Amino acid sequence: MKSKDPPLYKYKKILDIIYRIESFVIIIFLAIMVGINVLEIVTRVLLKNSFVWVYPINLLLFNWMVFIGIAVVFYRKENITIELFVRLLPSNYQRYVNILINFAVMGFFIFLLIKVPVLMEMQTQKLQIIQIPRYFQSLPLFIGSFSVLLVIFYDTLIVIKGCIDK
């Protein structure tokens, strides 16, 4: 990265912090899920008893892991992309196609984020067993969407400025 781009460098540092926090959160949630499931298996075998709250907690934690994990995948650039057709184009066109694709992806995530208030209003009822508002299941979708949007915006700035060849 060019040293004459301090705002871009600061933006990248912020993305690094968000990435570390999100990575930590998904690791903790996975550990909790494993722990809960081991506890469930042990109590079923030894005590012939099952906890009714295991499935809804697992579902909630899984939602958080997947949707926050999407942002981590985008940050690490491990998302599946089809570059075969883009690479067939001359290099100066590849840059514009990548920018166009990034704008399309940003548009999708902006659309999701615009729908947050509507979805939150529709999900005020409580989950049956764990008695928390239903929107806690969809909240990670919006957190992950916002994080992905930040990453794609950064990538787009890099491609536009020509700092790094995408």
C-alpha atoms as a PDB file:
ATOM      1  CA  MET A   1       0.000   0.000   0.000  1.00  0.00           C
ATOM      2  CA  LYS A   2       1.242   3.478  -0.763  1.00  0.00           C
ATOM      3  CA  SER A   3       2.384   5.461   2.251  1.00  0.00           C
ATOM      4  CA  LYS A   4       0.773   8.618   0.882  1.00  0.00           C
ATOM      5  CA  ASP A   5      -2.691   7.180   1.615  1.00  0.00           C
ATOM      6  CA  PRO A   6      -3.035   7.606   5.410  1.00  0.00           C
ATOM      7  CA  PRO A   7      -6.880   7.639   5.395  1.00  0.00           C
ATOM      8  CA  LEU A   8      -6.903   4.343   3.500  1.00  0.00           C
ATOM      9  CA  TYR A   9      -4.310   2.950   5.908  1.00  0.00           C
ATOM     10  CA  LYS A  10      -6.419   4.016   8.902  1.00  0.00           C
ATOM     11  CA  TYR A  11      -9.492   2.486   7.305  1.00  0.00           C
ATOM     12  CA  LYS A  12      -7.594  -0.793   6.862  1.00  0.00           C
ATOM     13  CA  LYS A  13      -6.551  -0.695  10.533  1.00  0.00           C
ATOM     14  CA  ILE A  14     -10.211  -0.303  11.548  1.00  0.00           C
ATOM     15  CA  LEU A  15     -11.122  -3.264   9.326  1.00  0.00           C
ATOM     16  CA  ASP A  16      -8.327  -5.277  10.991  1.00  0.00           C
ATOM     17  CA  ILE A  17      -9.804  -4.563  14.434  1.00  0.00           C
ATOM     18  CA  ILE A  18     -13.321  -5.487  13.297  1.00  0.00           C
ATOM     19  CA  TYR A  19     -11.932  -8.692  11.755  1.00  0.00           C
ATOM     20  CA  ARG A  20     -10.199  -9.684  14.994  1.00  0.00           C
ATOM     21  CA  ILE A  21     -13.332  -9.031  17.058  1.00  0.00           C
ATOM     22  CA  GLU A  22     -15.557 -10.967  14.657  1.00  0.00           C
ATOM     23  CA  SER A  23     -13.085 -13.870  14.496  1.00  0.00           C
ATOM     24  CA  PHE A  24     -12.977 -14.009  18.292  1.00  0.00           C
ATOM     25  CA  VAL A  25     -16.779 -13.933  18.545  1.00  0.00           C
ATOM     26  CA  ILE A  26     -17.297 -16.800  16.097  1.00  0.00           C
ATOM     27  CA  ILE A  27     -14.627 -18.907  17.827  1.00  0.00           C
ATOM     28  CA  ILE A  28     -16.266 -18.304  21.218  1.00  0.00           C
ATOM     29  CA  PHE A  29     -19.717 -19.150  19.837  1.00  0.00           C
ATOM     30  CA  LEU A  30     -18.375 -22.353  18.279  1.00  0.00           C
ATOM     31  CA  ALA A  31     -16.787 -23.321  21.603  1.00  0.00           C
ATOM     32  CA  ILE A  32     -20.070 -22.646  23.412  1.00  0.00           C
ATOM     33  CA  MET A  33     -21.966 -24.742  20.855  1.00  0.00           C
ATOM     34  CA  VAL A  34     -19.545 -27.637  21.248  1.00  0.00           C
ATOM     35  CA  GLY A  35     -19.758 -27.370  25.029  1.00  0.00           C
ATOM     36  CA  ILE A  36     -23.554 -27.324  25.033  1.00  0.00           C
ATOM     37  CA  ASN A  37     -23.730 -30.305  22.690  1.00  0.00           C
ATOM     38  CA  VAL A  38     -21.236 -32.314  24.736  1.00  0.00           C
ATOM     39  CA  LEU A  39     -23.270 -31.519  27.863  1.00  0.00           C
ATOM     40  CA  GLU A  40     -26.437 -32.610  26.066  1.00  0.00           C
ATOM     41  CA  ILE A  41     -24.888 -35.900  24.937  1.00  0.00           C
ATOM     42  CA  VAL A  42     -23.509 -36.649  28.398  1.00  0.00           C
ATOM     43  CA  THR A  43     -26.812 -35.912  30.157  1.00  0.00           C
ATOM     44  CA  ARG A  44     -28.733 -37.997  27.620  1.00  0.00           C
ATOM     45  CA  VAL A  45     -26.444 -40.981  28.085  1.00  0.00           C
ATOM     46  CA  LEU A  46     -25.919 -40.775  31.837  1.00  0.00           C
ATOM     47  CA  LEU A  47     -29.145 -39.232  33.105  1.00  0.00           C
ATOM     48  CA  LYS A  48     -31.528 -40.180  30.284  1.00  0.00           C
ATOM     49  CA  ASN A  49     -32.543 -36.528  30.229  1.00  0.00           C
ATOM     50  CA  SER A  50     -32.502 -33.955  27.463  1.00  0.00           C
ATOM     51  CA  PHE A  51     -32.436 -30.174  27.737  1.00  0.00           C
ATOM     52  CA  VAL A  52     -35.203 -28.475  25.789  1.00  0.00           C
ATOM     53  CA  TRP A  53     -33.155 -25.275  25.328  1.00  0.00           C
ATOM     54  CA  VAL A  54     -30.213 -26.881  23.471  1.00  0.00           C
ATOM     55  CA  TYR A  55     -31.705 -26.698  19.967  1.00  0.00           C
ATOM     56  CA  PRO A  56     -32.810 -23.028  20.102  1.00  0.00           C
ATOM     57  CA  ILE A  57     -29.482 -21.958  21.628  1.00  0.00           C
ATOM     58  CA  ASN A  58     -27.594 -23.914  18.957  1.00  0.00           C
ATOM     59  CA  LEU A  59     -29.717 -22.336  16.235  1.00  0.00           C
ATOM     60  CA  LEU A  60     -29.120 -18.857  17.621  1.00  0.00           C
ATOM     61  CA  LEU A  61     -25.360 -19.374  17.974  1.00  0.00           C
ATOM     62  CA  PHE A  62     -25.186 -20.954  14.524  1.00  0.00           C
ATOM     63  CA  ASN A  63     -26.886 -17.906  12.997  1.00  0.00           C
ATOM     64  CA  TRP A  64     -24.370 -15.640  14.686  1.00  0.00           C
ATOM     65  CA  MET A  65     -21.428 -17.790  13.599  1.00  0.00           C
ATOM     66  CA  VAL A  66     -22.521 -18.028   9.972  1.00  0.00           C
ATOM     67  CA  PHE A  67     -23.518 -14.428   9.375  1.00  0.00           C
ATOM     68  CA  ILE A  68     -20.599 -12.907  11.259  1.00  0.00           C
ATOM     69  CA  GLY A  69     -18.374 -15.546   9.659  1.00  0.00           C
ATOM     70  CA  ILE A  70     -19.393 -14.288   6.212  1.00  0.00           C
ATOM     71  CA  ALA A  71     -17.711 -10.986   7.006  1.00  0.00           C
ATOM     72  CA  VAL A  72     -14.573 -12.819   8.128  1.00  0.00           C
ATOM     73  CA  VAL A  73     -14.550 -14.801   4.882  1.00  0.00           C
ATOM     74  CA  PHE A  74     -14.858 -11.601   2.824  1.00  0.00           C
ATOM     75  CA  TYR A  75     -12.118  -9.922   4.854  1.00  0.00           C
ATOM     76  CA  ARG A  76      -9.761 -12.847   4.253  1.00  0.00           C
ATOM     77  CA  LYS A  77     -10.775 -12.913   0.569  1.00  0.00           C
ATOM     78  CA  GLU A  78     -11.744 -16.562   0.843  1.00  0.00           C
ATOM     79  CA  ASN A  79     -15.168 -16.091  -0.699  1.00  0.00           C
ATOM     80  CA  ILE A  80     -15.860 -18.023  -3.860  1.00  0.00           C
ATOM     81  CA  THR A  81     -15.477 -15.874  -6.934  1.00  0.00           C
ATOM     82  CA  ILE A  82     -15.568 -16.682 -10.595  1.00  0.00           C
ATOM     83  CA  GLU A  83     -12.657 -14.869 -12.158  1.00  0.00           C
ATOM     84  CA  LEU A  84     -12.312 -17.013 -15.248  1.00  0.00           C
ATOM     85  CA  PHE A  85     -14.351 -14.685 -17.457  1.00  0.00           C
ATOM     86  CA  VAL A  86     -12.881 -11.541 -15.945  1.00  0.00           C
ATOM     87  CA  ARG A  87      -9.347 -12.810 -16.606  1.00  0.00           C
ATOM     88  CA  LEU A  88     -10.224 -13.329 -20.277  1.00  0.00           C
ATOM     89  CA  LEU A  89     -10.682  -9.576 -20.627  1.00  0.00           C
ATOM     90  CA  PRO A  90      -7.803  -7.162 -21.209  1.00  0.00           C
ATOM     91  CA  SER A  91      -6.318  -5.957 -17.898  1.00  0.00           C
ATOM     92  CA  ASN A  92      -7.685  -2.402 -18.188  1.00  0.00           C
ATOM     93  CA  TYR A  93     -11.224  -3.852 -18.537  1.00  0.00           C
ATOM     94  CA  GLN A  94     -10.690  -6.243 -15.635  1.00  0.00           C
ATOM     95  CA  ARG A  95     -10.335  -3.274 -13.308  1.00  0.00           C
ATOM     96  CA  TYR A  96     -13.663  -1.808 -14.426  1.00  0.00           C
ATOM     97  CA  VAL A  97     -15.437  -5.146 -14.244  1.00  0.00           C
ATOM     98  CA  ASN A  98     -14.115  -5.652 -10.698  1.00  0.00           C
ATOM     99  CA  ILE A  99     -15.365  -2.192  -9.741  1.00  0.00           C
ATOM    100  CA  LEU A 100     -18.752  -2.965 -11.294  1.00  0.00           C
ATOM    101  CA  ILE A 101     -18.976  -6.281  -9.433  1.00  0.00           C
ATOM    102  CA  ASN A 102     -18.030  -4.564  -6.171  1.00  0.00           C
ATOM    103  CA  PHE A 103     -20.737  -1.950  -6.690  1.00  0.00           C
ATOM    104  CA  ALA A 104     -23.280  -4.718  -7.329  1.00  0.00           C
ATOM    105  CA  VAL A 105     -22.224  -6.509  -4.131  1.00  0.00           C
ATOM    106  CA  MET A 106     -22.336  -3.245  -2.167  1.00  0.00           C
ATOM    107  CA  GLY A 107     -25.795  -2.560  -3.599  1.00  0.00           C
ATOM    108  CA  PHE A 108     -27.013  -5.931  -2.377  1.00  0.00           C
ATOM    109  CA  PHE A 109     -25.702  -5.382   1.143  1.00  0.00           C
ATOM    110  CA  ILE A 110     -27.016  -1.810   1.244  1.00  0.00           C
ATOM    111  CA  PHE A 111     -30.430  -3.202   0.270  1.00  0.00           C
ATOM    112  CA  LEU A 112     -30.233  -5.674   3.167  1.00  0.00           C
ATOM    113  CA  LEU A 113     -29.262  -2.925   5.589  1.00  0.00           C
ATOM    114  CA  ILE A 114     -32.094  -0.685   4.422  1.00  0.00           C
ATOM    115  CA  LYS A 115     -34.527  -3.476   5.304  1.00  0.00           C
ATOM    116  CA  VAL A 116     -33.283  -3.725   8.914  1.00  0.00           C
ATOM    117  CA  PRO A 117     -35.996  -1.527  10.497  1.00  0.00           C
ATOM    118  CA  VAL A 118     -38.798  -3.325   8.648  1.00  0.00           C
ATOM    119  CA  LEU A 119     -37.521  -6.750   9.633  1.00  0.00           C
ATOM    120  CA  MET A 120     -36.934  -5.722  13.243  1.00  0.00           C
ATOM    121  CA  GLU A 121     -40.520  -4.489  13.532  1.00  0.00           C
ATOM    122  CA  MET A 122     -41.778  -7.825  12.203  1.00  0.00           C
ATOM    123  CA  GLN A 123     -39.732  -9.820  14.714  1.00  0.00           C
ATOM    124  CA  THR A 124     -40.693  -8.398  18.088  1.00  0.00           C
ATOM    125  CA  GLN A 125     -42.280 -11.612  19.386  1.00  0.00           C
ATOM    126  CA  LYS A 126     -40.146 -13.773  21.656  1.00  0.00           C
ATOM    127  CA  LEU A 127     -38.564 -17.089  20.790  1.00  0.00           C
ATOM    128  CA  GLN A 128     -40.528 -19.914  22.377  1.00  0.00           C
ATOM    129  CA  ILE A 129     -38.086 -21.576  24.706  1.00  0.00           C
ATOM    130  CA  ILE A 130     -35.328 -19.073  25.409  1.00  0.00           C
ATOM    131  CA  GLN A 131     -37.645 -16.047  25.605  1.00  0.00           C
ATOM    132  CA  ILE A 132     -35.543 -13.470  23.776  1.00  0.00           C
ATOM    133  CA  PRO A 133     -36.830 -11.317  20.922  1.00  0.00           C
ATOM    134  CA  ARG A 134     -36.813 -13.116  17.586  1.00  0.00           C
ATOM    135  CA  TYR A 135     -34.759 -10.355  15.965  1.00  0.00           C
ATOM    136  CA  PHE A 136     -31.698 -11.685  17.811  1.00  0.00           C
ATOM    137  CA  GLN A 137     -31.694 -14.436  15.175  1.00  0.00           C
ATOM    138  CA  SER A 138     -31.495 -11.982  12.283  1.00  0.00           C
ATOM    139  CA  LEU A 139     -29.322  -9.337  13.960  1.00  0.00           C
ATOM    140  CA  PRO A 140     -26.070 -11.091  12.944  1.00  0.00           C
ATOM    141  CA  LEU A 141     -27.171 -10.940   9.306  1.00  0.00           C
ATOM    142  CA  PHE A 142     -27.139  -7.177   9.498  1.00  0.00           C
ATOM    143  CA  ILE A 143     -23.924  -6.969  11.494  1.00  0.00           C
ATOM    144  CA  GLY A 144     -22.224  -9.256   8.980  1.00  0.00           C
ATOM    145  CA  SER A 145     -23.734  -7.326   6.072  1.00  0.00           C
ATOM    146  CA  PHE A 146     -22.396  -4.061   7.430  1.00  0.00           C
ATOM    147  CA  SER A 147     -18.936  -5.584   7.893  1.00  0.00           C
ATOM    148  CA  VAL A 148     -18.942  -7.048   4.379  1.00  0.00           C
ATOM    149  CA  LEU A 149     -20.027  -3.671   3.038  1.00  0.00           C
ATOM    150  CA  LEU A 150     -17.054  -2.022   4.774  1.00  0.00           C
ATOM    151  CA  VAL A 151     -14.661  -4.619   3.317  1.00  0.00           C
ATOM    152  CA  ILE A 152     -16.045  -4.360  -0.223  1.00  0.00           C
ATOM    153  CA  PHE A 153     -15.970  -0.559  -0.017  1.00  0.00           C
ATOM    154  CA  TYR A 154     -12.304  -0.726   0.997  1.00  0.00           C
ATOM    155  CA  ASP A 155     -11.527  -3.163  -1.834  1.00  0.00           C
ATOM    156  CA  THR A 156     -13.300  -0.873  -4.285  1.00  0.00           C
ATOM    157  CA  LEU A 157     -11.273   2.120  -3.121  1.00  0.00           C
ATOM    158  CA  ILE A 158      -8.085   0.110  -3.559  1.00  0.00           C
ATOM    159  CA  VAL A 159      -9.037  -0.936  -7.078  1.00  0.00           C
ATOM    160  CA  ILE A 160     -10.132   2.602  -8.051  1.00  0.00           C
ATOM    161  CA  LYS A 161      -6.959   4.174  -6.660  1.00  0.00           C
ATOM    162  CA  GLY A 162      -4.881   1.478  -8.285  1.00  0.00           C
ATOM    163  CA  CYS A 163      -2.975   0.779  -5.061  1.00  0.00           C
ATOM    164  CA  ILE A 164      -3.238  -2.968  -5.414  1.00  0.00           C
ATOM    165  CA  ASP A 165      -4.152  -4.915  -8.516  1.00  0.00           C
ATOM    166  CA  LYS A 166      -7.193  -6.953  -7.539  1.00  0.00           C
END
